[in-house]
């Protein structure tokens, strides 16, 4: 399953690495691609993962917030 989100709070490559590392550690996540220039996150997972669950996790790493792209 592939899902793309816009993300707020990304300011530098350290932010990109933090978000990527945090989301990669979630159960069911196979791959995470974070793009600073477009402020997007692409998640590849084996199952649906709620945006709320990902945002709850990201709160521990900084002021990052995922927003579902429609």
PDB file of N, CA and C in Angstrom:
ATOM      1  N   UNK A   1       0.846  -1.168   0.000  1.00  0.00           N
ATOM      2  CA  UNK A   1       0.000   0.000   0.000  1.00  0.00           C
ATOM      3  C   UNK A   1       0.899   1.240   0.000  1.00  0.00           C
ATOM      4  N   UNK A   2       0.547   2.202  -0.805  1.00  0.00           N
ATOM      5  CA  UNK A   2       1.326   3.433  -0.934  1.00  0.00           C
ATOM      6  C   UNK A   2       0.420   4.623  -0.643  1.00  0.00           C
ATOM      7  N   UNK A   3       0.909   5.548   0.198  1.00  0.00           N
ATOM      8  CA  UNK A   3       0.127   6.731   0.528  1.00  0.00           C
ATOM      9  C   UNK A   3       1.072   7.935   0.626  1.00  0.00           C
ATOM     10  N   UNK A   4       0.629   9.074   0.083  1.00  0.00           N
ATOM     11  CA  UNK A   4       1.441  10.288   0.099  1.00  0.00           C
ATOM     12  C   UNK A   4       0.768  11.350   0.960  1.00  0.00           C
ATOM     13  N   UNK A   5       1.580  12.031   1.760  1.00  0.00           N
ATOM     14  CA  UNK A   5       1.108  13.071   2.666  1.00  0.00           C
ATOM     15  C   UNK A   5       1.911  14.341   2.440  1.00  0.00           C
ATOM     16  N   UNK A   6       1.294  15.484   2.689  1.00  0.00           N
ATOM     17  CA  UNK A   6       2.084  16.703   2.839  1.00  0.00           C
ATOM     18  C   UNK A   6       2.496  16.720   4.311  1.00  0.00           C
ATOM     19  N   UNK A   7       3.609  17.371   4.598  1.00  0.00           N
ATOM     20  CA  UNK A   7       4.103  17.403   5.977  1.00  0.00           C
ATOM     21  C   UNK A   7       4.506  18.825   6.337  1.00  0.00           C
ATOM     22  N   UNK A   8       4.103  19.253   7.504  1.00  0.00           N
ATOM     23  CA  UNK A   8       4.508  20.564   7.992  1.00  0.00           C
ATOM     24  C   UNK A   8       5.602  20.378   9.038  1.00  0.00           C
ATOM     25  N   UNK A   9       6.436  21.383   9.179  1.00  0.00           N
ATOM     26  CA  UNK A   9       7.499  21.355  10.182  1.00  0.00           C
ATOM     27  C   UNK A   9       8.863  20.965   9.650  1.00  0.00           C
ATOM     28  N   UNK A  10       8.968  20.609   8.369  1.00  0.00           N
ATOM     29  CA  UNK A  10      10.273  20.269   7.789  1.00  0.00           C
ATOM     30  C   UNK A  10      11.023  21.547   7.449  1.00  0.00           C
ATOM     31  N   UNK A  11      12.237  21.673   7.983  1.00  0.00           N
ATOM     32  CA  UNK A  11      13.023  22.875   7.719  1.00  0.00           C
ATOM     33  C   UNK A  11      14.413  22.576   7.168  1.00  0.00           C
ATOM     34  N   UNK A  12      14.890  21.344   7.394  1.00  0.00           N
ATOM     35  CA  UNK A  12      16.266  21.032   6.999  1.00  0.00           C
ATOM     36  C   UNK A  12      16.422  19.522   6.832  1.00  0.00           C
ATOM     37  N   UNK A  13      17.606  19.099   6.441  1.00  0.00           N
ATOM     38  CA  UNK A  13      17.863  17.665   6.249  1.00  0.00           C
ATOM     39  C   UNK A  13      17.798  16.883   7.552  1.00  0.00           C
ATOM     40  N   UNK A  14      18.129  17.522   8.665  1.00  0.00           N
ATOM     41  CA  UNK A  14      18.012  16.844   9.961  1.00  0.00           C
ATOM     42  C   UNK A  14      16.545  16.507  10.245  1.00  0.00           C
ATOM     43  N   UNK A  15      15.638  17.416   9.886  1.00  0.00           N
ATOM     44  CA  UNK A  15      14.200  17.160  10.032  1.00  0.00           C
ATOM     45  C   UNK A  15      13.783  15.977   9.168  1.00  0.00           C
ATOM     46  N   UNK A  16      14.247  15.955   7.936  1.00  0.00           N
ATOM     47  CA  UNK A  16      13.940  14.858   7.019  1.00  0.00           C
ATOM     48  C   UNK A  16      14.378  13.529   7.628  1.00  0.00           C
ATOM     49  N   UNK A  17      15.603  13.485   8.141  1.00  0.00           N
ATOM     50  CA  UNK A  17      16.125  12.253   8.733  1.00  0.00           C
ATOM     51  C   UNK A  17      15.325  11.825   9.955  1.00  0.00           C
ATOM     52  N   UNK A  18      14.928  12.798  10.795  1.00  0.00           N
ATOM     53  CA  UNK A  18      14.141  12.503  11.987  1.00  0.00           C
ATOM     54  C   UNK A  18      12.788  11.887  11.629  1.00  0.00           C
ATOM     55  N   UNK A  19      12.097  12.505  10.685  1.00  0.00           N
ATOM     56  CA  UNK A  19      10.780  12.016  10.271  1.00  0.00           C
ATOM     57  C   UNK A  19      10.910  10.634   9.634  1.00  0.00           C
ATOM     58  N   UNK A  20      11.903  10.467   8.776  1.00  0.00           N
ATOM     59  CA  UNK A  20      12.102   9.177   8.109  1.00  0.00           C
ATOM     60  C   UNK A  20      12.395   8.076   9.115  1.00  0.00           C
ATOM     61  N   UNK A  21      13.265   8.355  10.057  1.00  0.00           N
ATOM     62  CA  UNK A  21      13.628   7.355  11.060  1.00  0.00           C
ATOM     63  C   UNK A  21      12.425   7.003  11.940  1.00  0.00           C
ATOM     64  N   UNK A  22      11.676   8.002  12.356  1.00  0.00           N
ATOM     65  CA  UNK A  22      10.518   7.764  13.220  1.00  0.00           C
ATOM     66  C   UNK A  22       9.476   6.899  12.521  1.00  0.00           C
ATOM     67  N   UNK A  23       9.100   7.275  11.310  1.00  0.00           N
ATOM     68  CA  UNK A  23       8.054   6.547  10.598  1.00  0.00           C
ATOM     69  C   UNK A  23       8.517   5.168  10.146  1.00  0.00           C
ATOM     70  N   UNK A  24       9.788   5.019   9.844  1.00  0.00           N
ATOM     71  CA  UNK A  24      10.316   3.714   9.424  1.00  0.00           C
ATOM     72  C   UNK A  24      10.216   2.686  10.535  1.00  0.00           C
ATOM     73  N   UNK A  25      10.191   3.149  11.779  1.00  0.00           N
ATOM     74  CA  UNK A  25      10.127   2.237  12.918  1.00  0.00           C
ATOM     75  C   UNK A  25       8.723   1.753  13.255  1.00  0.00           C
ATOM     76  N   UNK A  26       7.723   2.265  12.565  1.00  0.00           N
ATOM     77  CA  UNK A  26       6.346   1.849  12.850  1.00  0.00           C
ATOM     78  C   UNK A  26       6.070   0.451  12.296  1.00  0.00           C
ATOM     79  N   UNK A  27       5.284  -0.304  13.040  1.00  0.00           N
ATOM     80  CA  UNK A  27       4.891  -1.642  12.599  1.00  0.00           C
ATOM     81  C   UNK A  27       4.111  -1.551  11.291  1.00  0.00           C
ATOM     82  N   UNK A  28       4.469  -2.387  10.349  1.00  0.00           N
ATOM     83  CA  UNK A  28       3.779  -2.438   9.072  1.00  0.00           C
ATOM     84  C   UNK A  28       4.370  -1.548   7.996  1.00  0.00           C
ATOM     85  N   UNK A  29       5.258  -0.635   8.374  1.00  0.00           N
ATOM     86  CA  UNK A  29       5.868   0.273   7.395  1.00  0.00           C
ATOM     87  C   UNK A  29       7.042  -0.429   6.726  1.00  0.00           C
ATOM     88  N   UNK A  30       7.031  -0.456   5.405  1.00  0.00           N
ATOM     89  CA  UNK A  30       8.110  -1.092   4.649  1.00  0.00           C
ATOM     90  C   UNK A  30       9.153  -0.084   4.181  1.00  0.00           C
ATOM     91  N   UNK A  31       8.692   1.117   3.801  1.00  0.00           N
ATOM     92  CA  UNK A  31       9.614   2.130   3.279  1.00  0.00           C
ATOM     93  C   UNK A  31       9.006   3.508   3.484  1.00  0.00           C
ATOM     94  N   UNK A  32       9.876   4.498   3.712  1.00  0.00           N
ATOM     95  CA  UNK A  32       9.450   5.890   3.868  1.00  0.00           C
ATOM     96  C   UNK A  32      10.344   6.753   2.994  1.00  0.00           C
ATOM     97  N   UNK A  33       9.731   7.639   2.217  1.00  0.00           N
ATOM     98  CA  UNK A  33      10.477   8.612   1.417  1.00  0.00           C
ATOM     99  C   UNK A  33      10.019   9.998   1.842  1.00  0.00           C
ATOM    100  N   UNK A  34      10.964  10.812   2.315  1.00  0.00           N
ATOM    101  CA  UNK A  34      10.662  12.175   2.745  1.00  0.00           C
ATOM    102  C   UNK A  34      11.367  13.124   1.789  1.00  0.00           C
ATOM    103  N   UNK A  35      10.625  14.083   1.239  1.00  0.00           N
ATOM    104  CA  UNK A  35      11.202  15.043   0.301  1.00  0.00           C
ATOM    105  C   UNK A  35      11.065  16.455   0.878  1.00  0.00           C
ATOM    106  N   UNK A  36      12.189  17.064   1.186  1.00  0.00           N
ATOM    107  CA  UNK A  36      12.206  18.399   1.782  1.00  0.00           C
ATOM    108  C   UNK A  36      11.681  19.451   0.824  1.00  0.00           C
ATOM    109  N   UNK A  37      12.095  19.392  -0.433  1.00  0.00           N
ATOM    110  CA  UNK A  37      11.727  20.419  -1.411  1.00  0.00           C
ATOM    111  C   UNK A  37      10.212  20.512  -1.623  1.00  0.00           C
ATOM    112  N   UNK A  38       9.542  19.370  -1.671  1.00  0.00           N
ATOM    113  CA  UNK A  38       8.095  19.371  -1.895  1.00  0.00           C
ATOM    114  C   UNK A  38       7.302  19.228  -0.595  1.00  0.00           C
ATOM    115  N   UNK A  39       8.007  19.043   0.514  1.00  0.00           N
ATOM    116  CA  UNK A  39       7.387  18.843   1.837  1.00  0.00           C
ATOM    117  C   UNK A  39       6.353  17.716   1.785  1.00  0.00           C
ATOM    118  N   UNK A  40       6.801  16.569   1.259  1.00  0.00           N
ATOM    119  CA  UNK A  40       5.926  15.402   1.182  1.00  0.00           C
ATOM    120  C   UNK A  40       6.581  14.180   1.816  1.00  0.00           C
ATOM    121  N   UNK A  41       5.739  13.272   2.240  1.00  0.00           N
ATOM    122  CA  UNK A  41       6.172  11.990   2.787  1.00  0.00           C
ATOM    123  C   UNK A  41       5.384  10.910   2.061  1.00  0.00           C
ATOM    124  N   UNK A  42       6.082   9.924   1.543  1.00  0.00           N
ATOM    125  CA  UNK A  42       5.438   8.789   0.886  1.00  0.00           C
ATOM    126  C   UNK A  42       5.704   7.567   1.760  1.00  0.00           C
ATOM    127  N   UNK A  43       4.626   6.893   2.140  1.00  0.00           N
ATOM    128  CA  UNK A  43       4.703   5.720   3.008  1.00  0.00           C
ATOM    129  C   UNK A  43       4.306   4.487   2.203  1.00  0.00           C
ATOM    130  N   UNK A  44       5.138   3.472   2.263  1.00  0.00           N
ATOM    131  CA  UNK A  44       4.821   2.158   1.683  1.00  0.00           C
ATOM    132  C   UNK A  44       4.632   1.217   2.872  1.00  0.00           C
ATOM    133  N   UNK A  45       3.442   0.620   2.963  1.00  0.00           N
ATOM    134  CA  UNK A  45       3.163  -0.232   4.112  1.00  0.00           C
ATOM    135  C   UNK A  45       2.398  -1.480   3.677  1.00  0.00           C
ATOM    136  N   UNK A  46       2.420  -2.468   4.561  1.00  0.00           N
ATOM    137  CA  UNK A  46       1.718  -3.714   4.281  1.00  0.00           C
ATOM    138  C   UNK A  46       0.246  -3.611   4.659  1.00  0.00           C
ATOM    139  N   UNK A  47      -0.103  -2.580   5.423  1.00  0.00           N
ATOM    140  CA  UNK A  47      -1.479  -2.384   5.867  1.00  0.00           C
ATOM    141  C   UNK A  47      -1.754  -0.899   6.041  1.00  0.00           C
ATOM    142  N   UNK A  48      -3.008  -0.539   6.155  1.00  0.00           N
ATOM    143  CA  UNK A  48      -3.407   0.850   6.383  1.00  0.00           C
ATOM    144  C   UNK A  48      -2.913   1.293   7.757  1.00  0.00           C
ATOM    145  N   UNK A  49      -2.261   2.438   7.810  1.00  0.00           N
ATOM    146  CA  UNK A  49      -1.800   3.013   9.074  1.00  0.00           C
ATOM    147  C   UNK A  49      -2.479   4.373   9.206  1.00  0.00           C
ATOM    148  N   UNK A  50      -3.099   4.611  10.331  1.00  0.00           N
ATOM    149  CA  UNK A  50      -3.872   5.843  10.491  1.00  0.00           C
ATOM    150  C   UNK A  50      -2.949   7.064  10.571  1.00  0.00           C
ATOM    151  N   UNK A  51      -3.419   8.142   9.992  1.00  0.00           N
ATOM    152  CA  UNK A  51      -2.686   9.409  10.043  1.00  0.00           C
ATOM    153  C   UNK A  51      -2.537   9.861  11.490  1.00  0.00           C
ATOM    154  N   UNK A  52      -3.567   9.659  12.292  1.00  0.00           N
ATOM    155  CA  UNK A  52      -3.509  10.046  13.711  1.00  0.00           C
ATOM    156  C   UNK A  52      -2.392   9.302  14.441  1.00  0.00           C
ATOM    157  N   UNK A  53      -2.233   8.020  14.153  1.00  0.00           N
ATOM    158  CA  UNK A  53      -1.181   7.228  14.798  1.00  0.00           C
ATOM    159  C   UNK A  53       0.205   7.737  14.398  1.00  0.00           C
ATOM    160  N   UNK A  54       0.366   8.065  13.120  1.00  0.00           N
ATOM    161  CA  UNK A  54       1.661   8.581  12.663  1.00  0.00           C
ATOM    162  C   UNK A  54       1.949   9.955  13.274  1.00  0.00           C
ATOM    163  N   UNK A  55       0.935  10.811  13.352  1.00  0.00           N
ATOM    164  CA  UNK A  55       1.131  12.131  13.946  1.00  0.00           C
ATOM    165  C   UNK A  55       1.423  12.036  15.437  1.00  0.00           C
ATOM    166  N   UNK A  56       0.785  11.100  16.123  1.00  0.00           N
ATOM    167  CA  UNK A  56       1.064  10.897  17.544  1.00  0.00           C
ATOM    168  C   UNK A  56       2.527  10.507  17.756  1.00  0.00           C
ATOM    169  N   UNK A  57       3.025   9.640  16.898  1.00  0.00           N
ATOM    170  CA  UNK A  57       4.428   9.235  16.975  1.00  0.00           C
ATOM    171  C   UNK A  57       5.354  10.420  16.694  1.00  0.00           C
ATOM    172  N   UNK A  58       5.046  11.197  15.670  1.00  0.00           N
ATOM    173  CA  UNK A  58       5.905  12.312  15.275  1.00  0.00           C
ATOM    174  C   UNK A  58       5.988  13.405  16.336  1.00  0.00           C
ATOM    175  N   UNK A  59       4.969  13.530  17.179  1.00  0.00           N
ATOM    176  CA  UNK A  59       4.995  14.534  18.249  1.00  0.00           C
ATOM    177  C   UNK A  59       6.210  14.367  19.151  1.00  0.00           C
ATOM    178  N   UNK A  60       6.682  13.130  19.303  1.00  0.00           N
ATOM    179  CA  UNK A  60       7.846  12.862  20.152  1.00  0.00           C
ATOM    180  C   UNK A  60       9.157  13.291  19.498  1.00  0.00           C
ATOM    181  N   UNK A  61       9.128  13.601  18.214  1.00  0.00           N
ATOM    182  CA  UNK A  61      10.345  13.914  17.471  1.00  0.00           C
ATOM    183  C   UNK A  61      10.449  15.374  17.048  1.00  0.00           C
ATOM    184  N   UNK A  62       9.401  16.150  17.253  1.00  0.00           N
ATOM    185  CA  UNK A  62       9.427  17.554  16.858  1.00  0.00           C
ATOM    186  C   UNK A  62       8.047  18.028  16.449  1.00  0.00           C
ATOM    187  N   UNK A  63       8.007  19.195  15.862  1.00  0.00           N
ATOM    188  CA  UNK A  63       6.732  19.827  15.487  1.00  0.00           C
ATOM    189  C   UNK A  63       6.366  19.457  14.055  1.00  0.00           C
ATOM    190  N   UNK A  64       6.252  18.160  13.809  1.00  0.00           N
ATOM    191  CA  UNK A  64       5.931  17.660  12.474  1.00  0.00           C
ATOM    192  C   UNK A  64       4.481  17.193  12.455  1.00  0.00           C
ATOM    193  N   UNK A  65       3.830  17.390  11.330  1.00  0.00           N
ATOM    194  CA  UNK A  65       2.430  16.989  11.195  1.00  0.00           C
ATOM    195  C   UNK A  65       2.173  16.536   9.771  1.00  0.00           C
ATOM    196  N   UNK A  66       1.605  15.336   9.633  1.00  0.00           N
ATOM    197  CA  UNK A  66       1.229  14.825   8.314  1.00  0.00           C
ATOM    198  C   UNK A  66      -0.192  15.248   7.989  1.00  0.00           C
ATOM    199  N   UNK A  67      -0.424  15.556   6.726  1.00  0.00           N
ATOM    200  CA  UNK A  67      -1.744  15.945   6.243  1.00  0.00           C
ATOM    201  C   UNK A  67      -2.037  15.093   5.005  1.00  0.00           C
ATOM    202  N   UNK A  68      -3.179  14.411   5.022  1.00  0.00           N
ATOM    203  CA  UNK A  68      -3.519  13.548   3.888  1.00  0.00           C
ATOM    204  C   UNK A  68      -3.710  14.371   2.627  1.00  0.00           C
ATOM    205  N   UNK A  69      -3.113  13.913   1.544  1.00  0.00           N
ATOM    206  CA  UNK A  69      -3.297  14.561   0.247  1.00  0.00           C
ATOM    207  C   UNK A  69      -4.502  13.935  -0.431  1.00  0.00           C
ATOM    208  N   UNK A  70      -5.337  14.763  -0.980  1.00  0.00           N
ATOM    209  CA  UNK A  70      -6.538  14.246  -1.632  1.00  0.00           C
ATOM    210  C   UNK A  70      -6.429  14.359  -3.130  1.00  0.00           C
TER     211      UNK A  70
END
